[in-house]
Amino acid sequence: MTKDISYIEMLLTERWRQKREKILERDSRKCRNCGSSQNLHIHHRQYHTDNKTGLKREPWDYDNKYLVTLCEKCHEAGHQQYQIPSFNS
């Protein structure tokens, strides 16, 4: 992950907006858990860390299969219930 920009700032970039839009379209703009179309988030099912640098990959550098649309409520519940695994790549 780029050291000079925070994760939150990355989620405000055009690169992330484009990736987010693709996932929303794929998932018919609905939460894959409950079907809600309100307050949608794109959730990373897992994180990948670069073997050489030890940094996490940028949010847009994930294959679409690792991303899923969730409403805010399901996203929060998921983070409370499950830890997101991290893998070296």
PDB file of N, CA and C in Angstrom:
ATOM      1  N   MET A   1       0.850  -1.165   0.000  1.00  0.00           N
ATOM      2  CA  MET A   1       0.000   0.000   0.000  1.00  0.00           C
ATOM      3  C   MET A   1       0.898   1.231   0.000  1.00  0.00           C
ATOM      4  N   THR A   2       0.477   2.235  -0.668  1.00  0.00           N
ATOM      5  CA  THR A   2       1.234   3.463  -0.739  1.00  0.00           C
ATOM      6  C   THR A   2       1.387   4.066   0.648  1.00  0.00           C
ATOM      7  N   LYS A   3       2.614   4.426   1.000  1.00  0.00           N
ATOM      8  CA  LYS A   3       2.896   4.917   2.347  1.00  0.00           C
ATOM      9  C   LYS A   3       2.416   6.351   2.573  1.00  0.00           C
ATOM     10  N   ASP A   4       2.370   7.168   1.521  1.00  0.00           N
ATOM     11  CA  ASP A   4       2.086   8.589   1.694  1.00  0.00           C
ATOM     12  C   ASP A   4       0.605   8.951   1.633  1.00  0.00           C
ATOM     13  N   ILE A   5      -0.267   7.970   1.562  1.00  0.00           N
ATOM     14  CA  ILE A   5      -1.705   8.223   1.521  1.00  0.00           C
ATOM     15  C   ILE A   5      -2.398   7.181   2.412  1.00  0.00           C
ATOM     16  N   SER A   6      -3.364   7.621   3.188  1.00  0.00           N
ATOM     17  CA  SER A   6      -4.054   6.705   4.103  1.00  0.00           C
ATOM     18  C   SER A   6      -5.058   5.841   3.337  1.00  0.00           C
ATOM     19  N   TYR A   7      -5.497   4.779   3.986  1.00  0.00           N
ATOM     20  CA  TYR A   7      -6.492   3.891   3.379  1.00  0.00           C
ATOM     21  C   TYR A   7      -7.777   4.653   3.090  1.00  0.00           C
ATOM     22  N   ILE A   8      -8.200   5.490   4.016  1.00  0.00           N
ATOM     23  CA  ILE A   8      -9.418   6.289   3.832  1.00  0.00           C
ATOM     24  C   ILE A   8      -9.258   7.206   2.616  1.00  0.00           C
ATOM     25  N   GLU A   9      -8.092   7.816   2.475  1.00  0.00           N
ATOM     26  CA  GLU A   9      -7.846   8.681   1.317  1.00  0.00           C
ATOM     27  C   GLU A   9      -7.876   7.877   0.013  1.00  0.00           C
ATOM     28  N   MET A  10      -7.390   6.649   0.061  1.00  0.00           N
ATOM     29  CA  MET A  10      -7.419   5.801  -1.135  1.00  0.00           C
ATOM     30  C   MET A  10      -8.853   5.541  -1.589  1.00  0.00           C
ATOM     31  N   LEU A  11      -9.771   5.423  -0.620  1.00  0.00           N
ATOM     32  CA  LEU A  11     -11.164   5.155  -0.952  1.00  0.00           C
ATOM     33  C   LEU A  11     -11.857   6.370  -1.569  1.00  0.00           C
ATOM     34  N   LEU A  12     -11.176   7.505  -1.606  1.00  0.00           N
ATOM     35  CA  LEU A  12     -11.712   8.716  -2.224  1.00  0.00           C
ATOM     36  C   LEU A  12     -11.143   8.951  -3.623  1.00  0.00           C
ATOM     37  N   THR A  13     -10.249   8.087  -4.073  1.00  0.00           N
ATOM     38  CA  THR A  13      -9.612   8.270  -5.372  1.00  0.00           C
ATOM     39  C   THR A  13     -10.509   7.788  -6.513  1.00  0.00           C
ATOM     40  N   GLU A  14     -10.218   8.282  -7.696  1.00  0.00           N
ATOM     41  CA  GLU A  14     -10.957   7.866  -8.894  1.00  0.00           C
ATOM     42  C   GLU A  14     -10.745   6.377  -9.168  1.00  0.00           C
ATOM     43  N   ARG A  15      -9.548   5.884  -8.916  1.00  0.00           N
ATOM     44  CA  ARG A  15      -9.278   4.451  -9.144  1.00  0.00           C
ATOM     45  C   ARG A  15     -10.214   3.585  -8.309  1.00  0.00           C
ATOM     46  N   TRP A  16     -10.399   3.943  -7.032  1.00  0.00           N
ATOM     47  CA  TRP A  16     -11.292   3.165  -6.187  1.00  0.00           C
ATOM     48  C   TRP A  16     -12.744   3.347  -6.623  1.00  0.00           C
ATOM     49  N   ARG A  17     -13.128   4.576  -6.966  1.00  0.00           N
ATOM     50  CA  ARG A  17     -14.513   4.819  -7.393  1.00  0.00           C
ATOM     51  C   ARG A  17     -14.874   3.960  -8.595  1.00  0.00           C
ATOM     52  N   GLN A  18     -13.938   3.828  -9.533  1.00  0.00           N
ATOM     53  CA  GLN A  18     -14.191   2.996 -10.718  1.00  0.00           C
ATOM     54  C   GLN A  18     -14.324   1.526 -10.339  1.00  0.00           C
ATOM     55  N   LYS A  19     -13.452   1.033  -9.493  1.00  0.00           N
ATOM     56  CA  LYS A  19     -13.509  -0.364  -9.047  1.00  0.00           C
ATOM     57  C   LYS A  19     -14.798  -0.607  -8.274  1.00  0.00           C
ATOM     58  N   ARG A  20     -15.134   0.310  -7.380  1.00  0.00           N
ATOM     59  CA  ARG A  20     -16.351   0.208  -6.575  1.00  0.00           C
ATOM     60  C   ARG A  20     -17.583   0.128  -7.474  1.00  0.00           C
ATOM     61  N   GLU A  21     -17.617   0.957  -8.488  1.00  0.00           N
ATOM     62  CA  GLU A  21     -18.758   0.983  -9.413  1.00  0.00           C
ATOM     63  C   GLU A  21     -18.925  -0.365 -10.123  1.00  0.00           C
ATOM     64  N   LYS A  22     -17.822  -0.976 -10.528  1.00  0.00           N
ATOM     65  CA  LYS A  22     -17.881  -2.291 -11.187  1.00  0.00           C
ATOM     66  C   LYS A  22     -18.488  -3.347 -10.262  1.00  0.00           C
ATOM     67  N   ILE A  23     -18.093  -3.310  -8.991  1.00  0.00           N
ATOM     68  CA  ILE A  23     -18.605  -4.302  -8.040  1.00  0.00           C
ATOM     69  C   ILE A  23     -20.083  -4.041  -7.757  1.00  0.00           C
ATOM     70  N   LEU A  24     -20.468  -2.782  -7.589  1.00  0.00           N
ATOM     71  CA  LEU A  24     -21.874  -2.447  -7.382  1.00  0.00           C
ATOM     72  C   LEU A  24     -22.730  -2.931  -8.551  1.00  0.00           C
ATOM     73  N   GLU A  25     -22.258  -2.708  -9.760  1.00  0.00           N
ATOM     74  CA  GLU A  25     -23.002  -3.159 -10.944  1.00  0.00           C
ATOM     75  C   GLU A  25     -23.116  -4.679 -10.963  1.00  0.00           C
ATOM     76  N   ARG A  26     -22.015  -5.360 -10.710  1.00  0.00           N
ATOM     77  CA  ARG A  26     -22.021  -6.821 -10.704  1.00  0.00           C
ATOM     78  C   ARG A  26     -23.036  -7.362  -9.700  1.00  0.00           C
ATOM     79  N   ASP A  27     -23.122  -6.714  -8.540  1.00  0.00           N
ATOM     80  CA  ASP A  27     -23.993  -7.183  -7.459  1.00  0.00           C
ATOM     81  C   ASP A  27     -25.385  -6.542  -7.502  1.00  0.00           C
ATOM     82  N   SER A  28     -25.729  -5.944  -8.640  1.00  0.00           N
ATOM     83  CA  SER A  28     -27.055  -5.330  -8.853  1.00  0.00           C
ATOM     84  C   SER A  28     -27.398  -4.268  -7.810  1.00  0.00           C
ATOM     85  N   ARG A  29     -26.349  -3.618  -7.288  1.00  0.00           N
ATOM     86  CA  ARG A  29     -26.523  -2.536  -6.310  1.00  0.00           C
ATOM     87  C   ARG A  29     -27.351  -2.954  -5.101  1.00  0.00           C
ATOM     88  N   LYS A  30     -27.080  -4.183  -4.636  1.00  0.00           N
ATOM     89  CA  LYS A  30     -27.764  -4.714  -3.456  1.00  0.00           C
ATOM     90  C   LYS A  30     -26.771  -5.448  -2.571  1.00  0.00           C
ATOM     91  N   CYS A  31     -27.037  -5.410  -1.274  1.00  0.00           N
ATOM     92  CA  CYS A  31     -26.234  -6.158  -0.313  1.00  0.00           C
ATOM     93  C   CYS A  31     -26.359  -7.643  -0.629  1.00  0.00           C
ATOM     94  N   ARG A  32     -25.238  -8.317  -0.714  1.00  0.00           N
ATOM     95  CA  ARG A  32     -25.255  -9.744  -1.023  1.00  0.00           C
ATOM     96  C   ARG A  32     -25.736 -10.565   0.164  1.00  0.00           C
ATOM     97  N   ASN A  33     -25.814  -9.974   1.356  1.00  0.00           N
ATOM     98  CA  ASN A  33     -26.322 -10.685   2.531  1.00  0.00           C
ATOM     99  C   ASN A  33     -27.825 -10.551   2.676  1.00  0.00           C
ATOM    100  N   CYS A  34     -28.307  -9.300   2.722  1.00  0.00           N
ATOM    101  CA  CYS A  34     -29.709  -9.077   3.065  1.00  0.00           C
ATOM    102  C   CYS A  34     -30.548  -8.494   1.933  1.00  0.00           C
ATOM    103  N   GLY A  35     -29.909  -8.077   0.836  1.00  0.00           N
ATOM    104  CA  GLY A  35     -30.649  -7.541  -0.294  1.00  0.00           C
ATOM    105  C   GLY A  35     -30.938  -6.055  -0.233  1.00  0.00           C
ATOM    106  N   SER A  36     -30.504  -5.370   0.820  1.00  0.00           N
ATOM    107  CA  SER A  36     -30.735  -3.936   0.952  1.00  0.00           C
ATOM    108  C   SER A  36     -30.015  -3.180  -0.171  1.00  0.00           C
ATOM    109  N   SER A  37     -30.587  -2.047  -0.561  1.00  0.00           N
ATOM    110  CA  SER A  37     -29.939  -1.190  -1.554  1.00  0.00           C
ATOM    111  C   SER A  37     -29.523   0.141  -0.921  1.00  0.00           C
ATOM    112  N   GLN A  38     -29.506   0.204   0.407  1.00  0.00           N
ATOM    113  CA  GLN A  38     -29.166   1.422   1.143  1.00  0.00           C
ATOM    114  C   GLN A  38     -27.780   1.328   1.781  1.00  0.00           C
ATOM    115  N   ASN A  39     -27.052   2.440   1.791  1.00  0.00           N
ATOM    116  CA  ASN A  39     -25.753   2.551   2.484  1.00  0.00           C
ATOM    117  C   ASN A  39     -24.806   1.418   2.111  1.00  0.00           C
ATOM    118  N   LEU A  40     -24.547   1.267   0.822  1.00  0.00           N
ATOM    119  CA  LEU A  40     -23.739   0.141   0.343  1.00  0.00           C
ATOM    120  C   LEU A  40     -22.243   0.401   0.476  1.00  0.00           C
ATOM    121  N   HIS A  41     -21.535  -0.622   0.879  1.00  0.00           N
ATOM    122  CA  HIS A  41     -20.079  -0.624   1.006  1.00  0.00           C
ATOM    123  C   HIS A  41     -19.536  -1.747   0.124  1.00  0.00           C
ATOM    124  N   ILE A  42     -18.273  -1.615  -0.276  1.00  0.00           N
ATOM    125  CA  ILE A  42     -17.593  -2.716  -0.946  1.00  0.00           C
ATOM    126  C   ILE A  42     -16.620  -3.317   0.072  1.00  0.00           C
ATOM    127  N   HIS A  43     -16.831  -4.576   0.355  1.00  0.00           N
ATOM    128  CA  HIS A  43     -16.062  -5.286   1.381  1.00  0.00           C
ATOM    129  C   HIS A  43     -14.986  -6.149   0.732  1.00  0.00           C
ATOM    130  N   HIS A  44     -13.763  -6.075   1.267  1.00  0.00           N
ATOM    131  CA  HIS A  44     -12.671  -6.958   0.857  1.00  0.00           C
ATOM    132  C   HIS A  44     -12.798  -8.242   1.673  1.00  0.00           C
ATOM    133  N   ARG A  45     -12.959  -9.369   1.006  1.00  0.00           N
ATOM    134  CA  ARG A  45     -13.101 -10.652   1.706  1.00  0.00           C
ATOM    135  C   ARG A  45     -11.799 -11.088   2.358  1.00  0.00           C
ATOM    136  N   GLN A  46     -10.694 -10.612   1.809  1.00  0.00           N
ATOM    137  CA  GLN A  46      -9.380 -10.884   2.380  1.00  0.00           C
ATOM    138  C   GLN A  46      -8.435  -9.785   1.925  1.00  0.00           C
ATOM    139  N   TYR A  47      -7.319  -9.658   2.631  1.00  0.00           N
ATOM    140  CA  TYR A  47      -6.293  -8.686   2.263  1.00  0.00           C
ATOM    141  C   TYR A  47      -5.038  -9.432   1.846  1.00  0.00           C
ATOM    142  N   HIS A  48      -4.301  -8.819   0.929  1.00  0.00           N
ATOM    143  CA  HIS A  48      -3.056  -9.402   0.455  1.00  0.00           C
ATOM    144  C   HIS A  48      -1.911  -8.449   0.765  1.00  0.00           C
ATOM    145  N   THR A  49      -0.817  -9.014   1.228  1.00  0.00           N
ATOM    146  CA  THR A  49       0.370  -8.247   1.577  1.00  0.00           C
ATOM    147  C   THR A  49       1.501  -8.609   0.629  1.00  0.00           C
ATOM    148  N   ASP A  50       2.214  -7.608   0.144  1.00  0.00           N
ATOM    149  CA  ASP A  50       3.345  -7.815  -0.752  1.00  0.00           C
ATOM    150  C   ASP A  50       4.489  -8.470   0.018  1.00  0.00           C
ATOM    151  N   ASN A  51       5.019  -9.572  -0.514  1.00  0.00           N
ATOM    152  CA  ASN A  51       6.111 -10.294   0.158  1.00  0.00           C
ATOM    153  C   ASN A  51       7.353  -9.434   0.358  1.00  0.00           C
ATOM    154  N   LYS A  52       7.660  -8.591  -0.615  1.00  0.00           N
ATOM    155  CA  LYS A  52       8.891  -7.794  -0.553  1.00  0.00           C
ATOM    156  C   LYS A  52       8.783  -6.615   0.391  1.00  0.00           C
ATOM    157  N   THR A  53       7.682  -5.902   0.333  1.00  0.00           N
ATOM    158  CA  THR A  53       7.562  -4.675   1.118  1.00  0.00           C
ATOM    159  C   THR A  53       6.825  -4.874   2.438  1.00  0.00           C
ATOM    160  N   GLY A  54       5.995  -5.918   2.525  1.00  0.00           N
ATOM    161  CA  GLY A  54       5.184  -6.130   3.714  1.00  0.00           C
ATOM    162  C   GLY A  54       3.960  -5.235   3.771  1.00  0.00           C
ATOM    163  N   LEU A  55       3.738  -4.435   2.730  1.00  0.00           N
ATOM    164  CA  LEU A  55       2.605  -3.517   2.695  1.00  0.00           C
ATOM    165  C   LEU A  55       1.385  -4.190   2.081  1.00  0.00           C
ATOM    166  N   LYS A  56       0.206  -3.787   2.557  1.00  0.00           N
ATOM    167  CA  LYS A  56      -1.031  -4.295   1.954  1.00  0.00           C
ATOM    168  C   LYS A  56      -1.180  -3.712   0.556  1.00  0.00           C
ATOM    169  N   ARG A  57      -1.821  -4.477  -0.323  1.00  0.00           N
ATOM    170  CA  ARG A  57      -2.091  -3.995  -1.673  1.00  0.00           C
ATOM    171  C   ARG A  57      -3.109  -2.867  -1.629  1.00  0.00           C
ATOM    172  N   GLU A  58      -3.068  -2.008  -2.644  1.00  0.00           N
ATOM    173  CA  GLU A  58      -4.046  -0.933  -2.740  1.00  0.00           C
ATOM    174  C   GLU A  58      -5.434  -1.539  -2.904  1.00  0.00           C
ATOM    175  N   PRO A  59      -6.474  -0.876  -2.412  1.00  0.00           N
ATOM    176  CA  PRO A  59      -7.819  -1.460  -2.433  1.00  0.00           C
ATOM    177  C   PRO A  59      -8.322  -1.824  -3.826  1.00  0.00           C
ATOM    178  N   TRP A  60      -7.888  -1.124  -4.849  1.00  0.00           N
ATOM    179  CA  TRP A  60      -8.345  -1.377  -6.218  1.00  0.00           C
ATOM    180  C   TRP A  60      -7.546  -2.469  -6.916  1.00  0.00           C
ATOM    181  N   ASP A  61      -6.479  -2.952  -6.308  1.00  0.00           N
ATOM    182  CA  ASP A  61      -5.616  -3.954  -6.935  1.00  0.00           C
ATOM    183  C   ASP A  61      -6.022  -5.390  -6.625  1.00  0.00           C
ATOM    184  N   TYR A  62      -7.264  -5.607  -6.258  1.00  0.00           N
ATOM    185  CA  TYR A  62      -7.765  -6.939  -5.952  1.00  0.00           C
ATOM    186  C   TYR A  62      -8.627  -7.458  -7.090  1.00  0.00           C
ATOM    187  N   ASP A  63      -8.530  -8.737  -7.335  1.00  0.00           N
ATOM    188  CA  ASP A  63      -9.428  -9.382  -8.278  1.00  0.00           C
ATOM    189  C   ASP A  63     -10.852  -9.208  -7.756  1.00  0.00           C
ATOM    190  N   ASN A  64     -11.794  -9.019  -8.654  1.00  0.00           N
ATOM    191  CA  ASN A  64     -13.192  -8.785  -8.254  1.00  0.00           C
ATOM    192  C   ASN A  64     -13.766  -9.896  -7.370  1.00  0.00           C
ATOM    193  N   LYS A  65     -13.233 -11.110  -7.481  1.00  0.00           N
ATOM    194  CA  LYS A  65     -13.769 -12.214  -6.667  1.00  0.00           C
ATOM    195  C   LYS A  65     -13.511 -12.008  -5.178  1.00  0.00           C
ATOM    196  N   TYR A  66     -12.597 -11.112  -4.821  1.00  0.00           N
ATOM    197  CA  TYR A  66     -12.303 -10.838  -3.423  1.00  0.00           C
ATOM    198  C   TYR A  66     -13.106  -9.664  -2.870  1.00  0.00           C
ATOM    199  N   LEU A  67     -14.003  -9.103  -3.692  1.00  0.00           N
ATOM    200  CA  LEU A  67     -14.800  -7.944  -3.301  1.00  0.00           C
ATOM    201  C   LEU A  67     -16.275  -8.286  -3.358  1.00  0.00           C
ATOM    202  N   VAL A  68     -17.044  -7.751  -2.415  1.00  0.00           N
ATOM    203  CA  VAL A  68     -18.475  -8.037  -2.362  1.00  0.00           C
ATOM    204  C   VAL A  68     -19.214  -6.803  -1.841  1.00  0.00           C
ATOM    205  N   THR A  69     -20.414  -6.583  -2.360  1.00  0.00           N
ATOM    206  CA  THR A  69     -21.252  -5.479  -1.905  1.00  0.00           C
ATOM    207  C   THR A  69     -22.008  -5.887  -0.647  1.00  0.00           C
ATOM    208  N   LEU A  70     -21.887  -5.055   0.399  1.00  0.00           N
ATOM    209  CA  LEU A  70     -22.619  -5.257   1.645  1.00  0.00           C
ATOM    210  C   LEU A  70     -23.204  -3.918   2.079  1.00  0.00           C
ATOM    211  N   CYS A  71     -24.361  -3.953   2.725  1.00  0.00           N
ATOM    212  CA  CYS A  71     -24.886  -2.727   3.315  1.00  0.00           C
ATOM    213  C   CYS A  71     -24.049  -2.422   4.558  1.00  0.00           C
ATOM    214  N   GLU A  72     -24.174  -1.208   5.046  1.00  0.00           N
ATOM    215  CA  GLU A  72     -23.381  -0.792   6.202  1.00  0.00           C
ATOM    216  C   GLU A  72     -23.604  -1.717   7.403  1.00  0.00           C
ATOM    217  N   LYS A  73     -24.851  -2.090   7.651  1.00  0.00           N
ATOM    218  CA  LYS A  73     -25.180  -2.939   8.800  1.00  0.00           C
ATOM    219  C   LYS A  73     -24.523  -4.324   8.687  1.00  0.00           C
ATOM    220  N   CYS A  74     -24.642  -4.958   7.522  1.00  0.00           N
ATOM    221  CA  CYS A  74     -24.030  -6.280   7.326  1.00  0.00           C
ATOM    222  C   CYS A  74     -22.510  -6.190   7.340  1.00  0.00           C
ATOM    223  N   HIS A  75     -21.963  -5.099   6.805  1.00  0.00           N
ATOM    224  CA  HIS A  75     -20.519  -4.910   6.793  1.00  0.00           C
ATOM    225  C   HIS A  75     -19.989  -4.813   8.222  1.00  0.00           C
ATOM    226  N   GLU A  76     -20.631  -3.999   9.042  1.00  0.00           N
ATOM    227  CA  GLU A  76     -20.214  -3.861  10.437  1.00  0.00           C
ATOM    228  C   GLU A  76     -20.347  -5.177  11.186  1.00  0.00           C
ATOM    229  N   ALA A  77     -21.470  -5.863  10.993  1.00  0.00           N
ATOM    230  CA  ALA A  77     -21.699  -7.143  11.670  1.00  0.00           C
ATOM    231  C   ALA A  77     -20.635  -8.164  11.270  1.00  0.00           C
ATOM    232  N   GLY A  78     -20.281  -8.179  10.001  1.00  0.00           N
ATOM    233  CA  GLY A  78     -19.265  -9.108   9.518  1.00  0.00           C
ATOM    234  C   GLY A  78     -17.912  -8.858  10.146  1.00  0.00           C
ATOM    235  N   HIS A  79     -17.538  -7.590  10.271  1.00  0.00           N
ATOM    236  CA  HIS A  79     -16.253  -7.258  10.884  1.00  0.00           C
ATOM    237  C   HIS A  79     -16.234  -7.605  12.365  1.00  0.00           C
ATOM    238  N   GLN A  80     -17.376  -7.524  13.025  1.00  0.00           N
ATOM    239  CA  GLN A  80     -17.434  -7.885  14.438  1.00  0.00           C
ATOM    240  C   GLN A  80     -17.376  -9.395  14.630  1.00  0.00           C
ATOM    241  N   GLN A  81     -17.927 -10.135  13.681  1.00  0.00           N
ATOM    242  CA  GLN A  81     -18.017 -11.585  13.811  1.00  0.00           C
ATOM    243  C   GLN A  81     -16.791 -12.315  13.267  1.00  0.00           C
ATOM    244  N   TYR A  82     -16.179 -11.782  12.202  1.00  0.00           N
ATOM    245  CA  TYR A  82     -15.079 -12.479  11.532  1.00  0.00           C
ATOM    246  C   TYR A  82     -13.882 -11.568  11.354  1.00  0.00           C
ATOM    247  N   GLN A  83     -12.712 -12.150  11.510  1.00  0.00           N
ATOM    248  CA  GLN A  83     -11.496 -11.429  11.155  1.00  0.00           C
ATOM    249  C   GLN A  83     -11.237 -11.652   9.684  1.00  0.00           C
ATOM    250  N   ILE A  84     -10.781 -10.608   8.994  1.00  0.00           N
ATOM    251  CA  ILE A  84     -10.485 -10.726   7.574  1.00  0.00           C
ATOM    252  C   ILE A  84      -9.073 -11.297   7.450  1.00  0.00           C
ATOM    253  N   PRO A  85      -8.924 -12.427   6.766  1.00  0.00           N
ATOM    254  CA  PRO A  85      -7.588 -13.012   6.633  1.00  0.00           C
ATOM    255  C   PRO A  85      -6.691 -12.175   5.742  1.00  0.00           C
ATOM    256  N   SER A  86      -5.410 -12.242   6.008  1.00  0.00           N
ATOM    257  CA  SER A  86      -4.411 -11.538   5.218  1.00  0.00           C
ATOM    258  C   SER A  86      -3.421 -12.563   4.682  1.00  0.00           C
ATOM    259  N   PHE A  87      -3.089 -12.454   3.408  1.00  0.00           N
ATOM    260  CA  PHE A  87      -2.197 -13.415   2.749  1.00  0.00           C
ATOM    261  C   PHE A  87      -1.048 -12.690   2.074  1.00  0.00           C
ATOM    262  N   ASN A  88       0.111 -13.318   2.051  1.00  0.00           N
ATOM    263  CA  ASN A  88       1.249 -12.794   1.295  1.00  0.00           C
ATOM    264  C   ASN A  88       1.065 -13.156  -0.174  1.00  0.00           C
ATOM    265  N   SER A  89       1.437 -12.224  -1.026  1.00  0.00           N
ATOM    266  CA  SER A  89       1.356 -12.500  -2.467  1.00  0.00           C
ATOM    267  C   SER A  89       2.615 -12.088  -3.182  1.00  0.00           C
TER     268      SER A  89
END
